[in-house]
Amino acid sequence: MKLYFISGLGVDHRAFKFIQLPSKFEVIHLPWLIPEQSESLESYAKRMTEKIDAANDFSLIGLSFGGVLANEMMDYVKPKHTILISSIASRNELPLHYRIAGAFHLNQFFSLRSMNQIPSVNYFVFGVSSDQDKQLLNEILKDTDPEFSSWAVNQLLQWKREKPQSSILRIHGDQDLVLPITGFTPDHIIRGGGHFMISTKAEEISAILTQILAK
């Protein structure tokens, strides 16, 4: 079965660097597309599905903003599994301060690139402590496309989906400060997992993914 991995906001396949799955699964990392001018999230999600082989069984695995996108892609394709990691499934699960920021368009004053200036805060917010994880996080933030990140943050804060898709599974950390557990109950809770647990808790997440996908 093909597994289509969708990384977090503006991040590439490196986010899944330490995830290990049985060789019977074909792992495919869906690259981000360049958003068209004033493109909606729904339109973008439909374009992303064009890279999926829907003639055979497949699953979607979305990380953070990639999970938001996976929710929208399910309107156009029918995966065997849709697994959200460190993500949310509707706008009602956004923390209140995010929704306020979206209502007043405060995100125009925010840039992910500016976060590179305060690495110690990044480590705290994303929940990383080892040198290995710090290095990977620094590389990812450094390479984030500012134009894409601006579009994606705006899409997240203006997200219209009111109810989650019915057939999703969630893996979430109980110490996620970026997208905390708000208004939903994860199927699998990673104790001590922050928003970057895809790296810091990769072994535990790999085991859960293997268990889910084997069903």
Protein backbone atom coordinates (compact mmCIF):
# COMPACT_ATOMS: atom_id res chain seq x y z
CA MET A 1 0.00 0.00 0.00
CA LYS A 2 1.18 3.50 -0.82
CA LEU A 3 1.52 5.96 2.04
CA TYR A 4 1.37 9.62 1.10
CA PHE A 5 3.09 11.75 3.71
CA ILE A 6 2.27 15.46 3.87
CA SER A 7 4.69 17.49 5.95
CA GLY A 8 4.07 20.52 8.13
CA LEU A 9 3.88 24.15 7.14
CA GLY A 10 6.39 24.70 4.37
CA VAL A 11 8.52 21.77 5.53
CA ASP A 12 9.80 18.98 3.30
CA HIS A 13 10.26 15.24 3.84
CA ARG A 14 12.98 15.83 6.44
CA ALA A 15 10.26 16.14 9.06
CA PHE A 16 9.74 12.36 8.76
CA LYS A 17 13.46 11.59 8.78
CA PHE A 18 13.34 9.25 11.78
CA ILE A 19 10.05 7.47 11.04
CA GLN A 20 10.64 3.77 10.32
CA LEU A 21 7.93 1.58 8.76
CA PRO A 22 7.87 -1.98 7.37
CA SER A 23 9.20 -2.28 3.83
CA LYS A 24 5.84 -3.55 2.55
CA PHE A 25 4.63 0.05 2.62
CA GLU A 26 5.64 2.36 -0.21
CA VAL A 27 6.36 5.76 1.32
CA ILE A 28 5.74 8.76 -0.93
CA HIS A 29 6.37 12.31 0.27
CA LEU A 30 3.98 14.74 -1.40
CA PRO A 31 5.89 17.96 -2.16
CA TRP A 32 4.20 21.28 -1.54
CA LEU A 33 2.92 23.11 -4.60
CA ILE A 34 3.32 26.83 -5.18
CA PRO A 35 -0.06 28.39 -4.33
CA GLU A 36 -1.75 30.22 -7.16
CA GLN A 37 -2.67 33.85 -6.63
CA SER A 38 -5.42 34.14 -3.98
CA GLU A 39 -5.88 30.36 -4.08
CA SER A 40 -8.23 28.82 -1.53
CA LEU A 41 -7.29 25.85 0.63
CA GLU A 42 -9.99 23.79 -1.08
CA SER A 43 -8.58 24.48 -4.52
CA TYR A 44 -5.06 23.79 -3.34
CA ALA A 45 -6.12 20.46 -1.77
CA LYS A 46 -7.75 19.38 -5.04
CA ARG A 47 -4.52 20.11 -6.93
CA MET A 48 -2.53 18.09 -4.39
CA THR A 49 -4.72 15.04 -5.02
CA GLU A 50 -3.60 15.00 -8.66
CA LYS A 51 -0.35 13.41 -7.49
CA ILE A 52 -2.16 10.49 -5.84
CA ASP A 53 -2.69 7.08 -7.43
CA ALA A 54 -6.28 6.56 -6.35
CA ALA A 55 -6.71 3.38 -8.40
CA ASN A 56 -5.11 1.33 -5.60
CA ASP A 57 -5.32 1.36 -1.80
CA PHE A 58 -3.49 4.26 -0.23
CA SER A 59 -3.35 6.20 3.02
CA LEU A 60 -2.76 9.85 3.89
CA ILE A 61 -0.53 10.84 6.79
CA GLY A 62 -0.55 14.55 7.53
CA LEU A 63 1.72 16.38 9.94
CA SER A 64 0.55 19.66 11.50
CA PHE A 65 -0.65 21.85 8.58
CA GLY A 66 -0.30 18.74 6.42
CA GLY A 67 -3.09 17.20 8.51
CA VAL A 68 -5.30 20.20 7.81
CA LEU A 69 -4.64 19.70 4.12
CA ALA A 70 -5.34 15.95 4.39
CA ASN A 71 -8.81 16.79 5.75
CA GLU A 72 -9.53 18.86 2.67
CA MET A 73 -8.09 16.29 0.27
CA MET A 74 -10.58 13.72 1.57
CA ASP A 75 -13.31 15.65 -0.24
CA TYR A 76 -11.72 14.50 -3.52
CA VAL A 77 -10.12 11.11 -2.76
CA LYS A 78 -10.97 8.19 -0.47
CA PRO A 79 -7.91 6.93 1.42
CA LYS A 80 -7.97 3.69 3.37
CA HIS A 81 -6.59 5.56 6.37
CA THR A 82 -6.16 9.24 7.13
CA ILE A 83 -3.83 9.80 10.05
CA LEU A 84 -3.24 13.22 11.58
CA ILE A 85 -0.06 13.79 13.58
CA SER A 86 0.19 16.94 15.73
CA SER A 87 -2.70 18.40 13.77
CA ILE A 88 -6.35 19.41 13.94
CA ALA A 89 -9.46 18.44 11.99
CA SER A 90 -11.67 21.54 12.09
CA ARG A 91 -11.42 25.26 12.77
CA ASN A 92 -13.21 24.76 16.11
CA GLU A 93 -10.09 22.95 17.34
CA LEU A 94 -7.90 25.99 16.78
CA PRO A 95 -6.83 27.64 20.04
CA LEU A 96 -8.85 30.78 20.80
CA HIS A 97 -5.93 33.15 20.27
CA TYR A 98 -5.45 31.74 16.75
CA ARG A 99 -9.09 32.37 15.91
CA ILE A 100 -8.84 35.91 17.25
CA ALA A 101 -5.69 36.48 15.18
CA GLY A 102 -7.52 35.20 12.12
CA ALA A 103 -10.56 37.38 12.73
CA PHE A 104 -8.41 40.52 12.92
CA HIS A 105 -5.86 39.38 10.28
CA LEU A 106 -3.03 39.74 12.78
CA ASN A 107 -1.03 37.06 10.97
CA GLN A 108 0.15 39.71 8.49
CA PHE A 109 2.50 40.93 11.22
CA PHE A 110 3.97 37.46 11.80
CA SER A 111 6.71 35.66 9.89
CA LEU A 112 8.07 32.17 10.47
CA ARG A 113 11.40 33.39 9.15
CA SER A 114 11.63 35.79 12.11
CA MET A 115 11.58 32.81 14.47
CA ASN A 116 15.15 32.00 13.43
CA GLN A 117 16.27 34.97 15.51
CA ILE A 118 15.20 33.35 18.78
CA PRO A 119 16.20 29.66 18.66
CA SER A 120 15.82 29.12 22.42
CA VAL A 121 12.14 30.06 22.18
CA ASN A 122 11.72 27.73 19.20
CA TYR A 123 13.15 24.82 21.19
CA PHE A 124 10.70 25.47 24.03
CA VAL A 125 7.64 25.96 21.82
CA PHE A 126 8.36 22.92 19.64
CA GLY A 127 9.43 20.75 22.58
CA VAL A 128 12.97 19.82 21.53
CA SER A 129 15.98 19.32 23.77
CA SER A 130 18.56 17.06 22.07
CA ASP A 131 21.24 18.51 19.79
CA GLN A 132 20.01 16.27 16.97
CA ASP A 133 16.45 17.60 17.14
CA LYS A 134 17.61 21.20 17.55
CA GLN A 135 19.74 20.93 14.42
CA LEU A 136 16.89 19.45 12.37
CA LEU A 137 14.43 22.10 13.58
CA ASN A 138 16.90 24.90 12.79
CA GLU A 139 17.42 23.55 9.27
CA ILE A 140 13.69 23.28 8.64
CA LEU A 141 12.91 26.81 9.85
CA LYS A 142 15.82 28.24 7.90
CA ASP A 143 14.60 26.69 4.65
CA THR A 144 10.93 27.62 5.05
CA ASP A 145 9.61 29.56 2.06
CA PRO A 146 8.30 32.87 3.49
CA GLU A 147 5.70 33.35 0.75
CA PHE A 148 4.30 29.84 1.17
CA SER A 149 4.30 30.12 4.96
CA SER A 150 2.42 33.41 4.79
CA TRP A 151 -0.23 31.83 2.55
CA ALA A 152 -0.47 28.70 4.71
CA VAL A 153 -0.78 30.56 8.02
CA ASN A 154 -3.56 32.66 6.52
CA GLN A 155 -5.36 29.53 5.27
CA LEU A 156 -5.10 27.94 8.71
CA LEU A 157 -6.45 30.97 10.54
CA GLN A 158 -9.26 31.45 8.01
CA TRP A 159 -10.10 27.74 7.76
CA LYS A 160 -13.82 27.15 7.18
CA ARG A 161 -14.25 23.45 8.02
CA GLU A 162 -16.65 23.23 10.97
CA LYS A 163 -16.71 19.45 11.50
CA PRO A 164 -13.93 16.86 11.24
CA GLN A 165 -14.03 14.21 8.55
CA SER A 166 -15.61 11.06 9.98
CA SER A 167 -12.83 8.56 9.24
CA ILE A 168 -9.66 10.04 10.66
CA LEU A 169 -7.23 8.86 13.31
CA ARG A 170 -5.18 11.21 15.46
CA ILE A 171 -1.79 10.97 17.11
CA HIS A 172 -1.08 13.94 19.34
CA GLY A 173 1.37 14.95 22.04
CA ASP A 174 0.06 15.96 25.46
CA GLN A 175 2.62 18.79 25.62
CA ASP A 176 1.99 20.30 22.19
CA LEU A 177 2.15 24.08 22.61
CA VAL A 178 1.61 24.98 18.95
CA LEU A 179 -1.63 23.03 18.46
CA PRO A 180 -2.66 21.90 21.94
CA ILE A 181 -5.37 19.31 22.50
CA THR A 182 -8.41 21.62 22.42
CA GLY A 183 -11.93 20.37 21.84
CA PHE A 184 -10.96 16.90 20.61
CA THR A 185 -9.73 13.57 21.93
CA PRO A 186 -6.76 11.96 20.15
CA ASP A 187 -6.88 8.25 19.37
CA HIS A 188 -3.27 7.98 20.53
CA ILE A 189 -1.68 10.36 23.04
CA ILE A 190 2.11 10.62 23.15
CA ARG A 191 3.18 11.37 26.71
CA GLY A 192 5.71 14.17 26.79
CA GLY A 193 5.21 14.81 23.08
CA GLY A 194 5.55 18.38 21.85
CA HIS A 195 4.79 19.73 18.39
CA PHE A 196 8.05 18.34 17.01
CA MET A 197 7.41 14.85 18.39
CA ILE A 198 7.60 13.47 14.83
CA SER A 199 11.34 13.67 15.53
CA THR A 200 11.64 13.51 19.32
CA LYS A 201 9.20 10.56 19.66
CA ALA A 202 9.78 8.98 16.24
CA GLU A 203 10.16 5.42 17.52
CA GLU A 204 6.87 5.52 19.42
CA ILE A 205 5.03 7.13 16.52
CA SER A 206 6.49 4.60 14.07
CA ALA A 207 5.12 1.77 16.19
CA ILE A 208 1.64 3.33 16.32
CA LEU A 209 1.61 3.95 12.57
CA THR A 210 2.62 0.37 11.91
CA GLN A 211 -0.18 -0.87 14.17
CA ILE A 212 -2.80 1.32 12.49
CA LEU A 213 -1.73 0.55 8.94
CA ALA A 214 -1.66 -3.20 9.57
CA LYS A 215 -5.42 -3.25 10.26
